[in-house]
């Protein structure tokens, strides 16, 4: 027989619900108290509080311990669900503290296929959906300067193995590749079998100081370089597509990534110098002091998943 119905049901303490569920499962106040790491009187008090709050008789005493009444049995699955919901709430709140969120400003260079930009962004979105990205295209030197000024968080960068990037930057190397010297069609006699000194006598396409091409050319041309010779530079170009077009037009030589050089040689008869090459590293750079920031760390993790 149930007690009178309360005029107002107060909010039930989760600990009281846990006591109710524990006694219902154990059938005994003493064992329930041990399970909850509470004293037996404390558990009995919580059962009394719950009975008064609901206005229901939830248990009957038996020689074996405590048995649920029909009302108690009806409330037990609801108590289980309420406690599970509280647990889910706590876990969700804890997860939000660990959720990486914010905006990641990325400096991009070259073509997206080469840097695997699409796969990188896809991985980042899947692993950290609360991170939004902003992209800015430029040359390696421009990307580095913008990172230093705080305008970008990370950026792709072309690093020279013989002159690696140091403090205050941190570079995550991704892959090493080779630059070749690409010459117009018909220039085979001028470039085949020739070293850097011989090639310096030919017309060259120049690039702005911010480009990796400029830093690569400084290794072989000019004061303190491998040759010590300044080549005859006939045009200043800041786009890879423009470089290729000028080489095809017969204007001069240019440094080109090996895969592109081989492709252009096969497709358009351009000539690749066979005795010289320069190595370069593609990497992702950030300020060393910021490498541990959650958004940047997430970017580096996504990058590792893509590049292996």
Protein backbone atom coordinates (compact mmCIF):
# COMPACT_ATOMS: atom_id res chain seq x y z
CA UNK A 1 0.00 0.00 0.00
CA UNK A 2 1.49 3.34 -1.01
CA UNK A 3 1.77 6.40 1.20
CA UNK A 4 0.12 9.74 0.50
CA UNK A 5 1.18 11.55 -2.68
CA UNK A 6 3.44 14.54 -1.99
CA UNK A 7 2.19 17.92 -3.09
CA UNK A 8 5.64 18.82 -4.42
CA UNK A 9 8.40 16.39 -5.33
CA UNK A 10 11.79 17.91 -4.48
CA UNK A 11 14.89 17.39 -6.62
CA UNK A 12 16.45 14.06 -5.77
CA UNK A 13 20.09 13.94 -4.75
CA UNK A 14 22.09 11.62 -7.05
CA UNK A 15 23.65 10.00 -3.97
CA UNK A 16 20.16 9.10 -2.76
CA UNK A 17 19.37 7.48 -6.11
CA UNK A 18 22.65 5.54 -5.92
CA UNK A 19 21.70 4.27 -2.48
CA UNK A 20 18.27 3.20 -3.76
CA UNK A 21 19.79 1.34 -6.74
CA UNK A 22 22.51 -0.28 -4.63
CA UNK A 23 20.03 -1.62 -2.04
CA UNK A 24 17.73 -2.82 -4.82
CA UNK A 25 20.60 -4.71 -6.49
CA UNK A 26 22.14 -6.10 -3.28
CA UNK A 27 18.88 -6.74 -1.39
CA UNK A 28 20.72 -5.74 1.74
CA UNK A 29 21.54 -2.35 3.32
CA UNK A 30 24.85 -3.54 4.76
CA UNK A 31 26.18 -4.84 1.45
CA UNK A 32 24.92 -1.73 -0.35
CA UNK A 33 26.76 0.46 2.19
CA UNK A 34 29.99 -1.46 1.51
CA UNK A 35 29.50 -1.10 -2.24
CA UNK A 36 28.99 2.67 -1.87
CA UNK A 37 31.76 3.08 0.74
CA UNK A 38 29.23 4.58 3.15
CA UNK A 39 28.04 3.69 6.64
CA UNK A 40 24.91 1.60 7.05
CA UNK A 41 23.04 4.39 8.90
CA UNK A 42 23.87 6.83 6.05
CA UNK A 43 22.33 4.48 3.48
CA UNK A 44 19.25 3.90 5.64
CA UNK A 45 18.83 7.67 5.98
CA UNK A 46 19.00 8.13 2.20
CA UNK A 47 16.32 5.46 1.69
CA UNK A 48 14.10 7.19 4.23
CA UNK A 49 14.68 10.57 2.52
CA UNK A 50 13.74 9.11 -0.88
CA UNK A 51 10.62 7.45 0.50
CA UNK A 52 9.52 10.75 2.05
CA UNK A 53 10.32 12.70 -1.12
CA UNK A 54 8.26 10.35 -3.31
CA UNK A 55 5.57 9.55 -0.80
CA UNK A 56 6.03 5.88 -1.72
CA UNK A 57 7.01 2.74 0.11
CA UNK A 58 9.94 1.49 -1.95
CA UNK A 59 11.09 -1.54 0.08
CA UNK A 60 9.72 -4.13 2.46
CA UNK A 61 11.84 -5.88 5.04
CA UNK A 62 12.22 -9.64 4.70
CA UNK A 63 14.24 -12.21 6.68
CA UNK A 64 16.86 -12.02 3.92
CA UNK A 65 17.07 -8.22 3.84
CA UNK A 66 15.24 -5.67 1.69
CA UNK A 67 12.85 -6.42 -1.19
CA UNK A 68 11.50 -3.92 -3.68
CA UNK A 69 7.83 -3.12 -3.59
CA UNK A 70 5.88 -2.86 -6.83
CA UNK A 71 6.40 0.93 -6.75
CA UNK A 72 10.10 0.50 -6.06
CA UNK A 73 10.46 -1.93 -8.96
CA UNK A 74 8.70 0.56 -11.25
CA UNK A 75 11.12 3.33 -10.27
CA UNK A 76 14.32 1.26 -10.45
CA UNK A 77 14.83 1.45 -14.26
CA UNK A 78 14.12 5.19 -14.13
CA UNK A 79 16.73 5.61 -11.41
CA UNK A 80 19.22 3.64 -13.56
CA UNK A 81 18.54 5.91 -16.52
CA UNK A 82 18.83 9.04 -14.40
CA UNK A 83 22.21 7.96 -13.02
CA UNK A 84 23.41 6.99 -16.50
CA UNK A 85 22.35 10.42 -17.80
CA UNK A 86 24.28 12.10 -14.97
CA UNK A 87 27.35 10.02 -15.86
CA UNK A 88 27.01 10.96 -19.54
CA UNK A 89 26.67 14.60 -18.55
CA UNK A 90 29.86 14.47 -16.51
CA UNK A 91 31.78 12.72 -19.28
CA UNK A 92 30.56 15.22 -21.87
CA UNK A 93 31.57 18.14 -19.66
CA UNK A 94 35.02 16.60 -19.16
CA UNK A 95 35.37 16.01 -22.91
CA UNK A 96 34.59 19.64 -23.63
CA UNK A 97 37.58 20.63 -21.53
CA UNK A 98 39.72 18.47 -23.82
CA UNK A 99 38.08 19.52 -27.09
CA UNK A 100 40.41 21.45 -29.34
CA UNK A 101 38.67 24.48 -30.78
CA UNK A 102 39.70 27.68 -32.48
CA UNK A 103 41.01 28.96 -35.80
CA UNK A 104 44.12 27.67 -37.53
CA UNK A 105 45.68 30.07 -40.05
CA UNK A 106 47.76 28.10 -42.56
CA UNK A 107 50.29 29.46 -45.03
CA UNK A 108 50.31 27.43 -48.24
CA UNK A 109 52.87 27.24 -51.04
CA UNK A 110 53.25 25.52 -54.38
CA UNK A 111 50.35 23.40 -55.61
CA UNK A 112 47.92 21.67 -53.20
CA UNK A 113 48.58 18.25 -54.68
CA UNK A 114 52.28 18.42 -53.84
CA UNK A 115 51.72 19.51 -50.22
CA UNK A 116 48.77 17.07 -49.83
CA UNK A 117 46.76 20.02 -48.61
CA UNK A 118 43.36 18.44 -49.26
CA UNK A 119 44.18 15.24 -47.36
CA UNK A 120 45.68 17.29 -44.51
CA UNK A 121 42.58 19.47 -44.14
CA UNK A 122 40.28 16.43 -44.37
CA UNK A 123 42.18 14.70 -41.57
CA UNK A 124 42.14 17.87 -39.46
CA UNK A 125 38.38 18.31 -39.89
CA UNK A 126 37.69 14.68 -38.98
CA UNK A 127 39.88 14.66 -35.87
CA UNK A 128 39.21 18.21 -34.61
CA UNK A 129 35.85 19.36 -36.01
CA UNK A 130 35.84 22.44 -33.75
CA UNK A 131 38.94 23.84 -35.48
CA UNK A 132 38.29 26.19 -38.38
CA UNK A 133 40.95 26.90 -40.98
CA UNK A 134 41.99 29.98 -42.94
CA UNK A 135 44.41 29.58 -45.86
CA UNK A 136 46.86 32.12 -47.26
CA UNK A 137 48.92 31.35 -50.38
CA UNK A 138 52.43 32.75 -50.79
CA UNK A 139 56.13 32.00 -51.13
CA UNK A 140 58.13 30.21 -48.45
CA UNK A 141 59.78 33.42 -47.27
CA UNK A 142 56.47 35.25 -47.13
CA UNK A 143 54.95 32.43 -45.08
CA UNK A 144 57.87 32.58 -42.64
CA UNK A 145 57.57 36.34 -42.23
CA UNK A 146 53.82 36.14 -41.62
CA UNK A 147 54.33 33.46 -38.97
CA UNK A 148 56.90 35.71 -37.26
CA UNK A 149 54.41 38.60 -37.29
CA UNK A 150 51.64 36.41 -35.84
CA UNK A 151 49.51 36.60 -39.00
CA UNK A 152 49.76 32.83 -39.56
CA UNK A 153 49.89 29.98 -37.06
CA UNK A 154 51.62 27.41 -39.26
CA UNK A 155 52.76 27.23 -42.84
CA UNK A 156 54.36 24.99 -45.41
CA UNK A 157 57.99 25.85 -46.01
CA UNK A 158 60.83 24.74 -48.29
CA UNK A 159 63.94 24.20 -46.21
CA UNK A 160 67.49 23.73 -47.48
CA UNK A 161 69.30 20.73 -45.91
CA UNK A 162 72.63 22.61 -46.03
CA UNK A 163 71.14 25.67 -44.34
CA UNK A 164 68.33 24.36 -42.11
CA UNK A 165 65.81 26.62 -40.47
CA UNK A 166 66.59 27.28 -36.81
CA UNK A 167 65.22 29.26 -33.85
CA UNK A 168 62.79 30.79 -33.28
CA UNK A 169 61.06 28.35 -35.66
CA UNK A 170 60.30 24.66 -35.49
CA UNK A 171 60.04 22.69 -38.71
CA UNK A 172 58.29 19.34 -39.07
CA UNK A 173 60.01 17.81 -42.10
CA UNK A 174 57.65 15.96 -44.44
CA UNK A 175 59.60 14.89 -47.51
CA UNK A 176 62.85 15.56 -49.34
CA UNK A 177 62.80 16.15 -53.07
CA UNK A 178 65.06 17.46 -55.81
CA UNK A 179 65.15 20.56 -57.96
CA UNK A 180 66.46 20.17 -61.50
CA UNK A 181 67.62 22.73 -64.04
CA UNK A 182 65.11 22.95 -66.87
CA UNK A 183 66.11 24.43 -70.23
CA UNK A 184 64.19 25.26 -73.41
CA UNK A 185 63.77 22.65 -76.12
CA UNK A 186 66.85 22.39 -78.32
CA UNK A 187 69.26 23.51 -75.58
CA UNK A 188 70.66 20.01 -75.07
CA UNK A 189 74.21 20.86 -76.19
CA UNK A 190 74.34 23.84 -73.77
CA UNK A 191 73.15 21.93 -70.67
CA UNK A 192 73.80 18.21 -71.09
CA UNK A 193 76.93 17.16 -69.22
CA UNK A 194 77.48 20.69 -67.89
CA UNK A 195 78.34 21.67 -64.32
CA UNK A 196 77.14 24.74 -62.41
CA UNK A 197 79.95 26.96 -63.71
CA UNK A 198 79.10 26.17 -67.32
CA UNK A 199 75.40 26.70 -66.67
CA UNK A 200 76.09 30.07 -65.05
CA UNK A 201 77.08 31.43 -68.47
CA UNK A 202 73.57 30.85 -69.79
CA UNK A 203 70.54 33.13 -69.26
CA UNK A 204 68.59 32.41 -66.08
CA UNK A 205 65.16 33.27 -64.72
CA UNK A 206 65.40 35.05 -61.36
CA UNK A 207 62.89 34.89 -58.51
CA UNK A 208 62.11 37.21 -55.58
CA UNK A 209 64.14 36.82 -52.35
CA UNK A 210 61.12 35.29 -50.58
CA UNK A 211 61.08 32.27 -52.89
CA UNK A 212 62.87 28.98 -52.30
CA UNK A 213 64.28 29.24 -55.83
CA UNK A 214 66.16 32.38 -54.80
CA UNK A 215 67.73 30.64 -51.78
CA UNK A 216 68.62 27.62 -53.91
CA UNK A 217 70.29 29.77 -56.56
CA UNK A 218 72.30 31.55 -53.86
CA UNK A 219 73.88 28.20 -52.98
CA UNK A 220 75.41 27.86 -56.43
CA UNK A 221 75.65 31.41 -57.77
CA UNK A 222 77.09 34.63 -56.41
CA UNK A 223 79.64 35.48 -53.68
CA UNK A 224 80.37 32.63 -51.27
CA UNK A 225 78.50 30.08 -53.42
CA UNK A 226 79.67 26.86 -55.05
CA UNK A 227 80.70 28.72 -58.21
CA UNK A 228 81.24 32.28 -57.02
CA UNK A 229 79.80 33.35 -60.38
CA UNK A 230 76.79 35.58 -60.96
CA UNK A 231 74.69 34.23 -63.84
CA UNK A 232 73.01 36.39 -66.44
CA UNK A 233 69.49 36.81 -65.14
CA UNK A 234 67.08 37.86 -67.87
CA UNK A 235 63.69 38.00 -66.13
CA UNK A 236 62.22 38.16 -62.62
CA UNK A 237 59.35 35.70 -62.12
CA UNK A 238 57.25 35.02 -59.05
CA UNK A 239 54.95 32.23 -60.26
CA UNK A 240 55.92 28.66 -61.11
CA UNK A 241 53.52 28.60 -64.06
CA UNK A 242 55.17 31.74 -65.47
CA UNK A 243 58.62 30.17 -65.08
CA UNK A 244 57.55 27.15 -67.11
CA UNK A 245 56.00 29.34 -69.79
CA UNK A 246 59.20 31.41 -70.15
CA UNK A 247 61.36 28.29 -70.33
CA UNK A 248 59.07 26.91 -73.04
CA UNK A 249 59.39 30.23 -74.86
CA UNK A 250 63.18 29.92 -74.91
CA UNK A 251 63.90 32.82 -72.53
CA UNK A 252 66.23 30.99 -70.13
CA UNK A 253 66.88 28.34 -67.49
CA UNK A 254 64.95 27.75 -64.30
CA UNK A 255 65.02 25.49 -61.27
CA UNK A 256 61.99 23.18 -61.31
CA UNK A 257 60.85 20.33 -59.08
CA UNK A 258 62.08 17.03 -60.50
CA UNK A 259 58.63 15.57 -61.15
CA UNK A 260 57.58 18.67 -63.10
CA UNK A 261 60.89 18.79 -64.96
CA UNK A 262 60.50 15.19 -66.15
CA UNK A 263 56.88 15.79 -67.11
CA UNK A 264 57.71 18.87 -69.14
CA UNK A 265 60.62 17.12 -70.82
CA UNK A 266 58.33 14.31 -71.96
CA UNK A 267 55.38 16.50 -72.90
CA UNK A 268 57.11 19.48 -74.52
CA UNK A 269 60.66 18.40 -75.28
CA UNK A 270 62.25 20.67 -72.67
CA UNK A 271 65.77 19.71 -71.63
CA UNK A 272 66.80 18.67 -68.11
CA UNK A 273 70.43 19.24 -67.09
CA UNK A 274 71.80 15.84 -66.15
CA UNK A 275 74.84 16.74 -64.04
CA UNK A 276 73.42 19.07 -61.41
CA UNK A 277 70.64 18.99 -58.84
CA UNK A 278 69.71 20.63 -55.55
CA UNK A 279 67.89 18.97 -52.65
CA UNK A 280 65.11 20.61 -50.69
CA UNK A 281 62.88 19.63 -47.77
CA UNK A 282 59.16 20.29 -47.60
CA UNK A 283 57.95 20.84 -44.05
CA UNK A 284 55.41 22.57 -41.86
CA UNK A 285 56.79 25.41 -39.77
CA UNK A 286 55.57 27.25 -36.69
CA UNK A 287 57.13 29.31 -33.93
CA UNK A 288 58.86 26.91 -31.52
CA UNK A 289 57.27 28.60 -28.51
CA UNK A 290 53.79 27.90 -29.94
CA UNK A 291 54.31 24.28 -31.00
CA UNK A 292 52.52 22.99 -27.89
CA UNK A 293 49.35 25.05 -28.37
CA UNK A 294 46.36 22.69 -28.80
CA UNK A 295 45.33 23.92 -32.26
CA UNK A 296 48.89 23.75 -33.62
CA UNK A 297 49.53 20.38 -31.97
CA UNK A 298 46.34 19.09 -33.61
CA UNK A 299 47.59 20.32 -36.99
CA UNK A 300 50.90 18.53 -36.54
CA UNK A 301 49.06 15.36 -35.57
CA UNK A 302 46.86 15.54 -38.65
CA UNK A 303 49.92 16.13 -40.79
CA UNK A 304 51.66 13.07 -39.35
CA UNK A 305 48.61 10.95 -40.17
CA UNK A 306 48.71 12.11 -43.81
CA UNK A 307 52.46 11.92 -44.39
CA UNK A 308 53.15 8.94 -42.15
